[in-house]
Amino acid sequence: DNCVDDCMLTNPNLLQLLEMLMKLCADFSNFLQGIMRCSMDISV
């Protein structure tokens, strides 16, 4: 219980923000990799 609580998993607002931020990091990584593909013209 202490681990789940202190890991910020029992606060819906915090949990939703953490998910949003991590998804944003993933989307940004994919975006940069897409730019690299474009610059090399090897999208496949």
PDB file of all heavy atoms in Angstrom:
ATOM      1  N   ASP A   1       0.828  -1.212   0.000  1.00  0.00           N
ATOM      2  CA  ASP A   1       0.000   0.000   0.000  1.00  0.00           C
ATOM      3  C   ASP A   1       0.861   1.261   0.000  1.00  0.00           C
ATOM      4  O   ASP A   1       0.571   2.231  -0.722  1.00  0.00           O
ATOM      5  CB  ASP A   1      -0.934   0.009   1.216  1.00  0.00           C
ATOM      6  CG  ASP A   1      -2.028  -1.045   1.118  1.00  0.00           C
ATOM      7  OD1 ASP A   1      -2.268  -1.556   0.007  1.00  0.00           O
ATOM      8  OD2 ASP A   1      -2.640  -1.359   2.156  1.00  0.00           O
ATOM      9  N   ASN A   2       1.922   1.246   0.804  1.00  0.00           N
ATOM     10  CA  ASN A   2       2.805   2.411   0.864  1.00  0.00           C
ATOM     11  C   ASN A   2       3.525   2.634  -0.463  1.00  0.00           C
ATOM     12  O   ASN A   2       3.693   3.783  -0.910  1.00  0.00           O
ATOM     13  CB  ASN A   2       3.832   2.236   1.991  1.00  0.00           C
ATOM     14  CG  ASN A   2       3.212   2.344   3.368  1.00  0.00           C
ATOM     15  OD1 ASN A   2       2.201   3.018   3.546  1.00  0.00           O
ATOM     16  ND2 ASN A   2       3.797   1.672   4.347  1.00  0.00           N
ATOM     17  N   CYS A   3       3.951   1.530  -1.093  1.00  0.00           N
ATOM     18  CA  CYS A   3       4.639   1.657  -2.384  1.00  0.00           C
ATOM     19  C   CYS A   3       3.704   2.218  -3.454  1.00  0.00           C
ATOM     20  O   CYS A   3       4.068   3.135  -4.195  1.00  0.00           O
ATOM     21  CB  CYS A   3       5.182   0.297  -2.825  1.00  0.00           C
ATOM     22  SG  CYS A   3       6.665  -0.236  -1.948  1.00  0.00           S
ATOM     23  N   VAL A   4       2.502   1.655  -3.541  1.00  0.00           N
ATOM     24  CA  VAL A   4       1.549   2.104  -4.559  1.00  0.00           C
ATOM     25  C   VAL A   4       1.189   3.566  -4.332  1.00  0.00           C
ATOM     26  O   VAL A   4       1.097   4.353  -5.290  1.00  0.00           O
ATOM     27  CB  VAL A   4       0.287   1.221  -4.542  1.00  0.00           C
ATOM     28  CG1 VAL A   4      -0.805   1.807  -5.443  1.00  0.00           C
ATOM     29  CG2 VAL A   4       0.627  -0.195  -5.002  1.00  0.00           C
ATOM     30  N   ASP A   5       1.023   3.970  -3.076  1.00  0.00           N
ATOM     31  CA  ASP A   5       0.647   5.349  -2.766  1.00  0.00           C
ATOM     32  C   ASP A   5       1.793   6.310  -3.073  1.00  0.00           C
ATOM     33  O   ASP A   5       1.606   7.328  -3.754  1.00  0.00           O
ATOM     34  CB  ASP A   5       0.243   5.447  -1.296  1.00  0.00           C
ATOM     35  CG  ASP A   5      -0.366   6.805  -0.958  1.00  0.00           C
ATOM     36  OD1 ASP A   5      -1.046   7.378  -1.824  1.00  0.00           O
ATOM     37  OD2 ASP A   5      -0.160   7.288   0.166  1.00  0.00           O
ATOM     38  N   ASP A   6       3.006   5.994  -2.599  1.00  0.00           N
ATOM     39  CA  ASP A   6       4.141   6.897  -2.801  1.00  0.00           C
ATOM     40  C   ASP A   6       4.634   6.905  -4.246  1.00  0.00           C
ATOM     41  O   ASP A   6       5.346   7.836  -4.651  1.00  0.00           O
ATOM     42  CB  ASP A   6       5.297   6.525  -1.858  1.00  0.00           C
ATOM     43  CG  ASP A   6       5.025   6.930  -0.424  1.00  0.00           C
ATOM     44  OD1 ASP A   6       4.152   7.796  -0.216  1.00  0.00           O
ATOM     45  OD2 ASP A   6       5.672   6.393   0.495  1.00  0.00           O
ATOM     46  N   CYS A   7       4.289   5.884  -5.018  1.00  0.00           N
ATOM     47  CA  CYS A   7       4.624   5.875  -6.451  1.00  0.00           C
ATOM     48  C   CYS A   7       3.621   6.685  -7.264  1.00  0.00           C
ATOM     49  O   CYS A   7       3.622   6.627  -8.494  1.00  0.00           O
ATOM     50  CB  CYS A   7       4.703   4.449  -6.978  1.00  0.00           C
ATOM     51  SG  CYS A   7       6.194   3.570  -6.478  1.00  0.00           S
ATOM     52  N   MET A   8       2.750   7.404  -6.569  1.00  0.00           N
ATOM     53  CA  MET A   8       1.810   8.348  -7.192  1.00  0.00           C
ATOM     54  C   MET A   8       0.767   7.646  -8.063  1.00  0.00           C
ATOM     55  O   MET A   8       0.316   8.177  -9.070  1.00  0.00           O
ATOM     56  CB  MET A   8       2.579   9.398  -8.018  1.00  0.00           C
ATOM     57  CG  MET A   8       3.597  10.167  -7.219  1.00  0.00           C
ATOM     58  SD  MET A   8       4.569  11.347  -8.209  1.00  0.00           S
ATOM     59  CE  MET A   8       5.606  10.237  -9.146  1.00  0.00           C
ATOM     60  N   LEU A   9       0.378   6.443  -7.652  1.00  0.00           N
ATOM     61  CA  LEU A   9      -0.579   5.676  -8.442  1.00  0.00           C
ATOM     62  C   LEU A   9      -2.007   5.760  -7.907  1.00  0.00           C
ATOM     63  O   LEU A   9      -2.934   5.322  -8.583  1.00  0.00           O
ATOM     64  CB  LEU A   9      -0.149   4.203  -8.507  1.00  0.00           C
ATOM     65  CG  LEU A   9       1.141   3.939  -9.283  1.00  0.00           C
ATOM     66  CD1 LEU A   9       1.625   2.519  -9.050  1.00  0.00           C
ATOM     67  CD2 LEU A   9       0.947   4.204 -10.754  1.00  0.00           C
ATOM     68  N   THR A  10      -2.181   6.291  -6.726  1.00  0.00           N
ATOM     69  CA  THR A  10      -3.526   6.365  -6.150  1.00  0.00           C
ATOM     70  C   THR A  10      -4.169   7.736  -6.338  1.00  0.00           C
ATOM     71  O   THR A  10      -5.318   7.927  -5.964  1.00  0.00           O
ATOM     72  CB  THR A  10      -3.476   6.050  -4.637  1.00  0.00           C
ATOM     73  OG1 THR A  10      -2.552   6.938  -3.989  1.00  0.00           O
ATOM     74  CG2 THR A  10      -3.039   4.612  -4.399  1.00  0.00           C
ATOM     75  N   ASN A  11      -3.438   8.667  -6.911  1.00  0.00           N
ATOM     76  CA  ASN A  11      -3.982   9.987  -7.205  1.00  0.00           C
ATOM     77  C   ASN A  11      -4.332  10.051  -8.684  1.00  0.00           C
ATOM     78  O   ASN A  11      -3.439  10.066  -9.532  1.00  0.00           O
ATOM     79  CB  ASN A  11      -2.948  11.070  -6.849  1.00  0.00           C
ATOM     80  CG  ASN A  11      -3.511  12.479  -6.963  1.00  0.00           C
ATOM     81  OD1 ASN A  11      -4.134  12.832  -7.965  1.00  0.00           O
ATOM     82  ND2 ASN A  11      -3.280  13.291  -5.945  1.00  0.00           N
ATOM     83  N   PRO A  12      -5.635  10.070  -9.035  1.00  0.00           N
ATOM     84  CA  PRO A  12      -6.024  10.030 -10.460  1.00  0.00           C
ATOM     85  C   PRO A  12      -5.423  11.157 -11.284  1.00  0.00           C
ATOM     86  O   PRO A  12      -5.009  10.942 -12.425  1.00  0.00           O
ATOM     87  CB  PRO A  12      -7.552  10.134 -10.406  1.00  0.00           C
ATOM     88  CG  PRO A  12      -7.932   9.674  -9.045  1.00  0.00           C
ATOM     89  CD  PRO A  12      -6.808  10.076  -8.147  1.00  0.00           C
ATOM     90  N   ASN A  13      -5.339  12.365 -10.716  1.00  0.00           N
ATOM     91  CA  ASN A  13      -4.778  13.491 -11.458  1.00  0.00           C
ATOM     92  C   ASN A  13      -3.293  13.289 -11.745  1.00  0.00           C
ATOM     93  O   ASN A  13      -2.823  13.531 -12.867  1.00  0.00           O
ATOM     94  CB  ASN A  13      -4.985  14.792 -10.678  1.00  0.00           C
ATOM     95  CG  ASN A  13      -6.447  15.166 -10.546  1.00  0.00           C
ATOM     96  OD1 ASN A  13      -7.223  14.990 -11.482  1.00  0.00           O
ATOM     97  ND2 ASN A  13      -6.829  15.667  -9.383  1.00  0.00           N
ATOM     98  N   LEU A  14      -2.560  12.833 -10.730  1.00  0.00           N
ATOM     99  CA  LEU A  14      -1.133  12.578 -10.922  1.00  0.00           C
ATOM    100  C   LEU A  14      -0.901  11.450 -11.916  1.00  0.00           C
ATOM    101  O   LEU A  14      -0.030  11.539 -12.797  1.00  0.00           O
ATOM    102  CB  LEU A  14      -0.491  12.226  -9.577  1.00  0.00           C
ATOM    103  CG  LEU A  14       0.245  13.329  -8.822  1.00  0.00           C
ATOM    104  CD1 LEU A  14       0.796  12.803  -7.522  1.00  0.00           C
ATOM    105  CD2 LEU A  14       1.357  13.920  -9.667  1.00  0.00           C
ATOM    106  N   LEU A  15      -1.675  10.385 -11.779  1.00  0.00           N
ATOM    107  CA  LEU A  15      -1.513   9.233 -12.652  1.00  0.00           C
ATOM    108  C   LEU A  15      -1.794   9.596 -14.102  1.00  0.00           C
ATOM    109  O   LEU A  15      -1.061   9.201 -15.019  1.00  0.00           O
ATOM    110  CB  LEU A  15      -2.441   8.106 -12.190  1.00  0.00           C
ATOM    111  CG  LEU A  15      -2.316   6.774 -12.936  1.00  0.00           C
ATOM    112  CD1 LEU A  15      -0.900   6.241 -12.872  1.00  0.00           C
ATOM    113  CD2 LEU A  15      -3.290   5.757 -12.347  1.00  0.00           C
ATOM    114  N   GLN A  16      -2.853  10.378 -14.316  1.00  0.00           N
ATOM    115  CA  GLN A  16      -3.195  10.789 -15.673  1.00  0.00           C
ATOM    116  C   GLN A  16      -2.099  11.691 -16.258  1.00  0.00           C
ATOM    117  O   GLN A  16      -1.754  11.583 -17.442  1.00  0.00           O
ATOM    118  CB  GLN A  16      -4.543  11.515 -15.657  1.00  0.00           C
ATOM    119  CG  GLN A  16      -5.093  11.858 -17.035  1.00  0.00           C
ATOM    120  CD  GLN A  16      -4.704  13.257 -17.480  1.00  0.00           C
ATOM    121  OE1 GLN A  16      -4.310  14.082 -16.656  1.00  0.00           O
ATOM    122  NE2 GLN A  16      -4.831  13.514 -18.762  1.00  0.00           N
ATOM    123  N   LEU A  17      -1.540  12.572 -15.433  1.00  0.00           N
ATOM    124  CA  LEU A  17      -0.459  13.450 -15.895  1.00  0.00           C
ATOM    125  C   LEU A  17       0.795  12.650 -16.247  1.00  0.00           C
ATOM    126  O   LEU A  17       1.453  12.916 -17.256  1.00  0.00           O
ATOM    127  CB  LEU A  17      -0.123  14.475 -14.819  1.00  0.00           C
ATOM    128  CG  LEU A  17      -0.733  15.870 -14.978  1.00  0.00           C
ATOM    129  CD1 LEU A  17      -0.348  16.744 -13.801  1.00  0.00           C
ATOM    130  CD2 LEU A  17      -0.290  16.512 -16.280  1.00  0.00           C
ATOM    131  N   LEU A  18       1.115  11.669 -15.403  1.00  0.00           N
ATOM    132  CA  LEU A  18       2.286  10.832 -15.680  1.00  0.00           C
ATOM    133  C   LEU A  18       2.116  10.088 -16.996  1.00  0.00           C
ATOM    134  O   LEU A  18       3.046   9.994 -17.805  1.00  0.00           O
ATOM    135  CB  LEU A  18       2.500   9.835 -14.528  1.00  0.00           C
ATOM    136  CG  LEU A  18       3.139  10.382 -13.260  1.00  0.00           C
ATOM    137  CD1 LEU A  18       3.105   9.345 -12.154  1.00  0.00           C
ATOM    138  CD2 LEU A  18       4.585  10.803 -13.530  1.00  0.00           C
ATOM    139  N   GLU A  19       0.912   9.544 -17.211  1.00  0.00           N
ATOM    140  CA  GLU A  19       0.659   8.831 -18.466  1.00  0.00           C
ATOM    141  C   GLU A  19       0.779   9.778 -19.661  1.00  0.00           C
ATOM    142  O   GLU A  19       1.362   9.430 -20.699  1.00  0.00           O
ATOM    143  CB  GLU A  19      -0.737   8.201 -18.447  1.00  0.00           C
ATOM    144  CG  GLU A  19      -1.016   7.354 -19.686  1.00  0.00           C
ATOM    145  CD  GLU A  19      -2.461   6.927 -19.800  1.00  0.00           C
ATOM    146  OE1 GLU A  19      -3.325   7.804 -19.936  1.00  0.00           O
ATOM    147  OE2 GLU A  19      -2.723   5.723 -19.763  1.00  0.00           O
ATOM    148  N   MET A  20       0.231  10.992 -19.514  1.00  0.00           N
ATOM    149  CA  MET A  20       0.288  11.968 -20.601  1.00  0.00           C
ATOM    150  C   MET A  20       1.730  12.359 -20.917  1.00  0.00           C
ATOM    151  O   MET A  20       2.134  12.438 -22.081  1.00  0.00           O
ATOM    152  CB  MET A  20      -0.541  13.204 -20.221  1.00  0.00           C
ATOM    153  CG  MET A  20      -0.620  14.267 -21.330  1.00  0.00           C
ATOM    154  SD  MET A  20       0.782  15.415 -21.355  1.00  0.00           S
ATOM    155  CE  MET A  20       0.478  16.346 -19.852  1.00  0.00           C
ATOM    156  N   LEU A  21       2.525  12.599 -19.874  1.00  0.00           N
ATOM    157  CA  LEU A  21       3.908  13.009 -20.086  1.00  0.00           C
ATOM    158  C   LEU A  21       4.726  11.894 -20.738  1.00  0.00           C
ATOM    159  O   LEU A  21       5.541  12.159 -21.640  1.00  0.00           O
ATOM    160  CB  LEU A  21       4.537  13.417 -18.751  1.00  0.00           C
ATOM    161  CG  LEU A  21       4.115  14.777 -18.191  1.00  0.00           C
ATOM    162  CD1 LEU A  21       4.556  14.941 -16.751  1.00  0.00           C
ATOM    163  CD2 LEU A  21       4.678  15.908 -19.045  1.00  0.00           C
ATOM    164  N   MET A  22       4.518  10.656 -20.297  1.00  0.00           N
ATOM    165  CA  MET A  22       5.275   9.560 -20.892  1.00  0.00           C
ATOM    166  C   MET A  22       4.850   9.303 -22.333  1.00  0.00           C
ATOM    167  O   MET A  22       5.678   8.997 -23.194  1.00  0.00           O
ATOM    168  CB  MET A  22       5.131   8.293 -20.034  1.00  0.00           C
ATOM    169  CG  MET A  22       5.915   8.373 -18.740  1.00  0.00           C
ATOM    170  SD  MET A  22       6.108   6.810 -17.868  1.00  0.00           S
ATOM    171  CE  MET A  22       4.502   6.696 -17.075  1.00  0.00           C
ATOM    172  N   LYS A  23       3.557   9.446 -22.607  1.00  0.00           N
ATOM    173  CA  LYS A  23       3.098   9.308 -23.993  1.00  0.00           C
ATOM    174  C   LYS A  23       3.662  10.434 -24.859  1.00  0.00           C
ATOM    175  O   LYS A  23       4.033  10.221 -26.031  1.00  0.00           O
ATOM    176  CB  LYS A  23       1.573   9.322 -24.046  1.00  0.00           C
ATOM    177  CG  LYS A  23       0.998   9.016 -25.429  1.00  0.00           C
ATOM    178  CD  LYS A  23      -0.514   8.975 -25.407  1.00  0.00           C
ATOM    179  CE  LYS A  23      -1.057   8.537 -26.760  1.00  0.00           C
ATOM    180  NZ  LYS A  23      -0.618   9.389 -27.876  1.00  0.00           N
ATOM    181  N   LEU A  24       3.760  11.632 -24.294  1.00  0.00           N
ATOM    182  CA  LEU A  24       4.338  12.755 -25.023  1.00  0.00           C
ATOM    183  C   LEU A  24       5.807  12.485 -25.354  1.00  0.00           C
ATOM    184  O   LEU A  24       6.273  12.785 -26.460  1.00  0.00           O
ATOM    185  CB  LEU A  24       4.207  14.030 -24.189  1.00  0.00           C
ATOM    186  CG  LEU A  24       4.522  15.357 -24.891  1.00  0.00           C
ATOM    187  CD1 LEU A  24       3.481  15.650 -25.969  1.00  0.00           C
ATOM    188  CD2 LEU A  24       4.558  16.503 -23.880  1.00  0.00           C
ATOM    189  N   CYS A  25       6.532  11.906 -24.394  1.00  0.00           N
ATOM    190  CA  CYS A  25       7.932  11.545 -24.638  1.00  0.00           C
ATOM    191  C   CYS A  25       8.038  10.513 -25.759  1.00  0.00           C
ATOM    192  O   CYS A  25       8.922  10.607 -26.626  1.00  0.00           O
ATOM    193  CB  CYS A  25       8.573  11.002 -23.362  1.00  0.00           C
ATOM    194  SG  CYS A  25       8.764  12.203 -22.026  1.00  0.00           S
ATOM    195  N   ALA A  26       7.133   9.531 -25.744  1.00  0.00           N
ATOM    196  CA  ALA A  26       7.145   8.506 -26.790  1.00  0.00           C
ATOM    197  C   ALA A  26       6.817   9.116 -28.150  1.00  0.00           C
ATOM    198  O   ALA A  26       7.478   8.804 -29.154  1.00  0.00           O
ATOM    199  CB  ALA A  26       6.152   7.404 -26.443  1.00  0.00           C
ATOM    200  N   ASP A  27       5.818   9.983 -28.199  1.00  0.00           N
ATOM    201  CA  ASP A  27       5.444  10.620 -29.465  1.00  0.00           C
ATOM    202  C   ASP A  27       6.586  11.491 -30.005  1.00  0.00           C
ATOM    203  O   ASP A  27       6.833  11.521 -31.214  1.00  0.00           O
ATOM    204  CB  ASP A  27       4.192  11.484 -29.277  1.00  0.00           C
ATOM    205  CG  ASP A  27       2.944  10.655 -29.035  1.00  0.00           C
ATOM    206  OD1 ASP A  27       2.977   9.437 -29.330  1.00  0.00           O
ATOM    207  OD2 ASP A  27       1.947  11.218 -28.542  1.00  0.00           O
ATOM    208  N   PHE A  28       7.267  12.190 -29.106  1.00  0.00           N
ATOM    209  CA  PHE A  28       8.369  13.042 -29.536  1.00  0.00           C
ATOM    210  C   PHE A  28       9.530  12.204 -30.083  1.00  0.00           C
ATOM    211  O   PHE A  28      10.158  12.579 -31.086  1.00  0.00           O
ATOM    212  CB  PHE A  28       8.849  13.912 -28.377  1.00  0.00           C
ATOM    213  CG  PHE A  28       9.921  14.890 -28.746  1.00  0.00           C
ATOM    214  CD1 PHE A  28       9.648  15.952 -29.589  1.00  0.00           C
ATOM    215  CD2 PHE A  28      11.216  14.749 -28.253  1.00  0.00           C
ATOM    216  CE1 PHE A  28      10.642  16.864 -29.942  1.00  0.00           C
ATOM    217  CE2 PHE A  28      12.205  15.654 -28.598  1.00  0.00           C
ATOM    218  CZ  PHE A  28      11.914  16.711 -29.444  1.00  0.00           C
ATOM    219  N   SER A  29       9.804  11.084 -29.439  1.00  0.00           N
ATOM    220  CA  SER A  29      10.853  10.190 -29.937  1.00  0.00           C
ATOM    221  C   SER A  29      10.503   9.677 -31.322  1.00  0.00           C
ATOM    222  O   SER A  29      11.357   9.643 -32.223  1.00  0.00           O
ATOM    223  CB  SER A  29      11.044   9.013 -28.970  1.00  0.00           C
ATOM    224  OG  SER A  29      11.448   9.464 -27.700  1.00  0.00           O
ATOM    225  N   ASN A  30       9.255   9.270 -31.508  1.00  0.00           N
ATOM    226  CA  ASN A  30       8.816   8.798 -32.828  1.00  0.00           C
ATOM    227  C   ASN A  30       8.891   9.916 -33.867  1.00  0.00           C
ATOM    228  O   ASN A  30       9.226   9.676 -35.033  1.00  0.00           O
ATOM    229  CB  ASN A  30       7.392   8.250 -32.742  1.00  0.00           C
ATOM    230  CG  ASN A  30       7.302   6.992 -31.905  1.00  0.00           C
ATOM    231  OD1 ASN A  30       8.278   6.244 -31.800  1.00  0.00           O
ATOM    232  ND2 ASN A  30       6.150   6.761 -31.293  1.00  0.00           N
ATOM    233  N   PHE A  31       8.578  11.125 -33.435  1.00  0.00           N
ATOM    234  CA  PHE A  31       8.643  12.278 -34.335  1.00  0.00           C
ATOM    235  C   PHE A  31      10.072  12.500 -34.822  1.00  0.00           C
ATOM    236  O   PHE A  31      10.315  12.682 -36.028  1.00  0.00           O
ATOM    237  CB  PHE A  31       8.117  13.518 -33.607  1.00  0.00           C
ATOM    238  CG  PHE A  31       8.459  14.823 -34.264  1.00  0.00           C
ATOM    239  CD1 PHE A  31       7.855  15.197 -35.456  1.00  0.00           C
ATOM    240  CD2 PHE A  31       9.393  15.681 -33.690  1.00  0.00           C
ATOM    241  CE1 PHE A  31       8.181  16.413 -36.065  1.00  0.00           C
ATOM    242  CE2 PHE A  31       9.715  16.889 -34.286  1.00  0.00           C
ATOM    243  CZ  PHE A  31       9.101  17.252 -35.477  1.00  0.00           C
ATOM    244  N   LEU A  32      11.049  12.473 -33.904  1.00  0.00           N
ATOM    245  CA  LEU A  32      12.441  12.675 -34.302  1.00  0.00           C
ATOM    246  C   LEU A  32      12.946  11.554 -35.199  1.00  0.00           C
ATOM    247  O   LEU A  32      13.685  11.787 -36.153  1.00  0.00           O
ATOM    248  CB  LEU A  32      13.329  12.788 -33.061  1.00  0.00           C
ATOM    249  CG  LEU A  32      13.301  14.117 -32.306  1.00  0.00           C
ATOM    250  CD1 LEU A  32      14.320  14.109 -31.180  1.00  0.00           C
ATOM    251  CD2 LEU A  32      13.556  15.291 -33.223  1.00  0.00           C
ATOM    252  N   GLN A  33      12.520  10.322 -34.890  1.00  0.00           N
ATOM    253  CA  GLN A  33      12.922   9.211 -35.751  1.00  0.00           C
ATOM    254  C   GLN A  33      12.296   9.355 -37.134  1.00  0.00           C
ATOM    255  O   GLN A  33      12.916   8.997 -38.141  1.00  0.00           O
ATOM    256  CB  GLN A  33      12.509   7.882 -35.117  1.00  0.00           C
ATOM    257  CG  GLN A  33      13.285   7.563 -33.850  1.00  0.00           C
ATOM    258  CD  GLN A  33      12.935   6.202 -33.282  1.00  0.00           C
ATOM    259  OE1 GLN A  33      12.975   5.203 -33.997  1.00  0.00           O
ATOM    260  NE2 GLN A  33      12.583   6.156 -32.016  1.00  0.00           N
ATOM    261  N   GLY A  34      11.078   9.876 -37.186  1.00  0.00           N
ATOM    262  CA  GLY A  34      10.437  10.112 -38.477  1.00  0.00           C
ATOM    263  C   GLY A  34      11.179  11.157 -39.287  1.00  0.00           C
ATOM    264  O   GLY A  34      11.315  11.030 -40.514  1.00  0.00           O
ATOM    265  N   ILE A  35      11.697  12.205 -38.622  1.00  0.00           N
ATOM    266  CA  ILE A  35      12.480  13.222 -39.305  1.00  0.00           C
ATOM    267  C   ILE A  35      13.748  12.611 -39.879  1.00  0.00           C
ATOM    268  O   ILE A  35      14.179  12.927 -40.988  1.00  0.00           O
ATOM    269  CB  ILE A  35      12.826  14.368 -38.334  1.00  0.00           C
ATOM    270  CG1 ILE A  35      11.562  15.162 -37.988  1.00  0.00           C
ATOM    271  CG2 ILE A  35      13.891  15.286 -38.913  1.00  0.00           C
ATOM    272  CD1 ILE A  35      10.927  15.861 -39.177  1.00  0.00           C
ATOM    273  N   MET A  36      14.333  11.691 -39.102  1.00  0.00           N
ATOM    274  CA  MET A  36      15.542  11.037 -39.586  1.00  0.00           C
ATOM    275  C   MET A  36      15.243  10.196 -40.823  1.00  0.00           C
ATOM    276  O   MET A  36      15.986  10.209 -41.798  1.00  0.00           O
ATOM    277  CB  MET A  36      16.158  10.161 -38.501  1.00  0.00           C
ATOM    278  CG  MET A  36      17.531   9.620 -38.879  1.00  0.00           C
ATOM    279  SD  MET A  36      18.305   8.650 -37.581  1.00  0.00           S
ATOM    280  CE  MET A  36      17.553   7.077 -37.893  1.00  0.00           C
ATOM    281  N   ARG A  37      14.133   9.504 -40.796  1.00  0.00           N
ATOM    282  CA  ARG A  37      13.752   8.708 -41.966  1.00  0.00           C
ATOM    283  C   ARG A  37      13.549   9.611 -43.188  1.00  0.00           C
ATOM    284  O   ARG A  37      13.970   9.292 -44.297  1.00  0.00           O
ATOM    285  CB  ARG A  37      12.465   7.947 -41.687  1.00  0.00           C
ATOM    286  CG  ARG A  37      12.610   6.802 -40.704  1.00  0.00           C
ATOM    287  CD  ARG A  37      11.330   5.976 -40.696  1.00  0.00           C
ATOM    288  NE  ARG A  37      11.409   4.911 -39.724  1.00  0.00           N
ATOM    289  CZ  ARG A  37      10.915   4.974 -38.499  1.00  0.00           C
ATOM    290  NH1 ARG A  37      10.316   6.088 -38.106  1.00  0.00           N
ATOM    291  NH2 ARG A  37      11.012   3.958 -37.674  1.00  0.00           N
ATOM    292  N   CYS A  38      12.885  10.740 -42.932  1.00  0.00           N
ATOM    293  CA  CYS A  38      12.619  11.664 -44.028  1.00  0.00           C
ATOM    294  C   CYS A  38      13.906  12.210 -44.612  1.00  0.00           C
ATOM    295  O   CYS A  38      14.075  12.295 -45.831  1.00  0.00           O
ATOM    296  CB  CYS A  38      11.735  12.806 -43.544  1.00  0.00           C
ATOM    297  SG  CYS A  38      11.384  14.046 -44.781  1.00  0.00           S
ATOM    298  N   SER A  39      14.834  12.581 -43.740  1.00  0.00           N
ATOM    299  CA  SER A  39      16.078  13.166 -44.211  1.00  0.00           C
ATOM    300  C   SER A  39      16.919  12.164 -44.976  1.00  0.00           C
ATOM    301  O   SER A  39      17.725  12.532 -45.825  1.00  0.00           O
ATOM    302  CB  SER A  39      16.874  13.740 -43.037  1.00  0.00           C
ATOM    303  OG  SER A  39      17.258  12.717 -42.147  1.00  0.00           O
ATOM    304  N   MET A  40      16.729  10.867 -44.667  1.00  0.00           N
ATOM    305  CA  MET A  40      17.465   9.839 -45.388  1.00  0.00           C
ATOM    306  C   MET A  40      16.659   9.295 -46.562  1.00  0.00           C
ATOM    307  O   MET A  40      17.169   8.530 -47.367  1.00  0.00           O
ATOM    308  CB  MET A  40      17.830   8.686 -44.439  1.00  0.00           C
ATOM    309  CG  MET A  40      18.788   9.069 -43.333  1.00  0.00           C
ATOM    310  SD  MET A  40      19.270   7.659 -42.317  1.00  0.00           S
ATOM    311  CE  MET A  40      20.332   6.767 -43.428  1.00  0.00           C
ATOM    312  N   ASP A  41      15.360   9.697 -46.615  1.00  0.00           N
ATOM    313  CA  ASP A  41      14.469   9.245 -47.683  1.00  0.00           C
ATOM    314  C   ASP A  41      14.377   7.733 -47.728  1.00  0.00           C
ATOM    315  O   ASP A  41      14.425   7.109 -48.786  1.00  0.00           O
ATOM    316  CB  ASP A  41      14.925   9.774 -49.044  1.00  0.00           C
ATOM    317  CG  ASP A  41      13.805   9.698 -50.063  1.00  0.00           C
ATOM    318  OD1 ASP A  41      12.625   9.645 -49.654  1.00  0.00           O
ATOM    319  OD2 ASP A  41      14.111   9.682 -51.256  1.00  0.00           O
ATOM    320  N   ILE A  42      14.287   7.109 -46.515  1.00  0.00           N
ATOM    321  CA  ILE A  42      14.195   5.647 -46.429  1.00  0.00           C
ATOM    322  C   ILE A  42      13.103   5.301 -45.441  1.00  0.00           C
ATOM    323  O   ILE A  42      13.322   4.647 -44.427  1.00  0.00           O
ATOM    324  CB  ILE A  42      15.532   5.025 -45.986  1.00  0.00           C
ATOM    325  CG1 ILE A  42      16.124   5.799 -44.805  1.00  0.00           C
ATOM    326  CG2 ILE A  42      16.535   4.995 -47.120  1.00  0.00           C
ATOM    327  CD1 ILE A  42      17.348   5.133 -44.219  1.00  0.00           C
ATOM    328  N   SER A  43      11.913   5.715 -45.755  1.00  0.00           N
ATOM    329  CA  SER A  43      10.808   5.582 -44.812  1.00  0.00           C
ATOM    330  C   SER A  43      10.464   4.137 -44.491  1.00  0.00           C
ATOM    331  O   SER A  43       9.812   3.861 -43.494  1.00  0.00           O
ATOM    332  CB  SER A  43       9.565   6.285 -45.361  1.00  0.00           C
ATOM    333  OG  SER A  43       9.225   5.736 -46.618  1.00  0.00           O
ATOM    334  N   VAL A  44      10.900   3.221 -45.315  1.00  0.00           N
ATOM    335  CA  VAL A  44      10.530   1.823 -45.067  1.00  0.00           C
ATOM    336  C   VAL A  44      11.606   1.077 -44.313  1.00  0.00           C
ATOM    337  O   VAL A  44      11.467  -0.102 -44.031  1.00  0.00           O
ATOM    338  CB  VAL A  44      10.250   1.093 -46.401  1.00  0.00           C
ATOM    339  CG1 VAL A  44       9.059   1.711 -47.105  1.00  0.00           C
ATOM    340  CG2 VAL A  44      11.474   1.129 -47.322  1.00  0.00           C
TER     341      VAL A  44
END
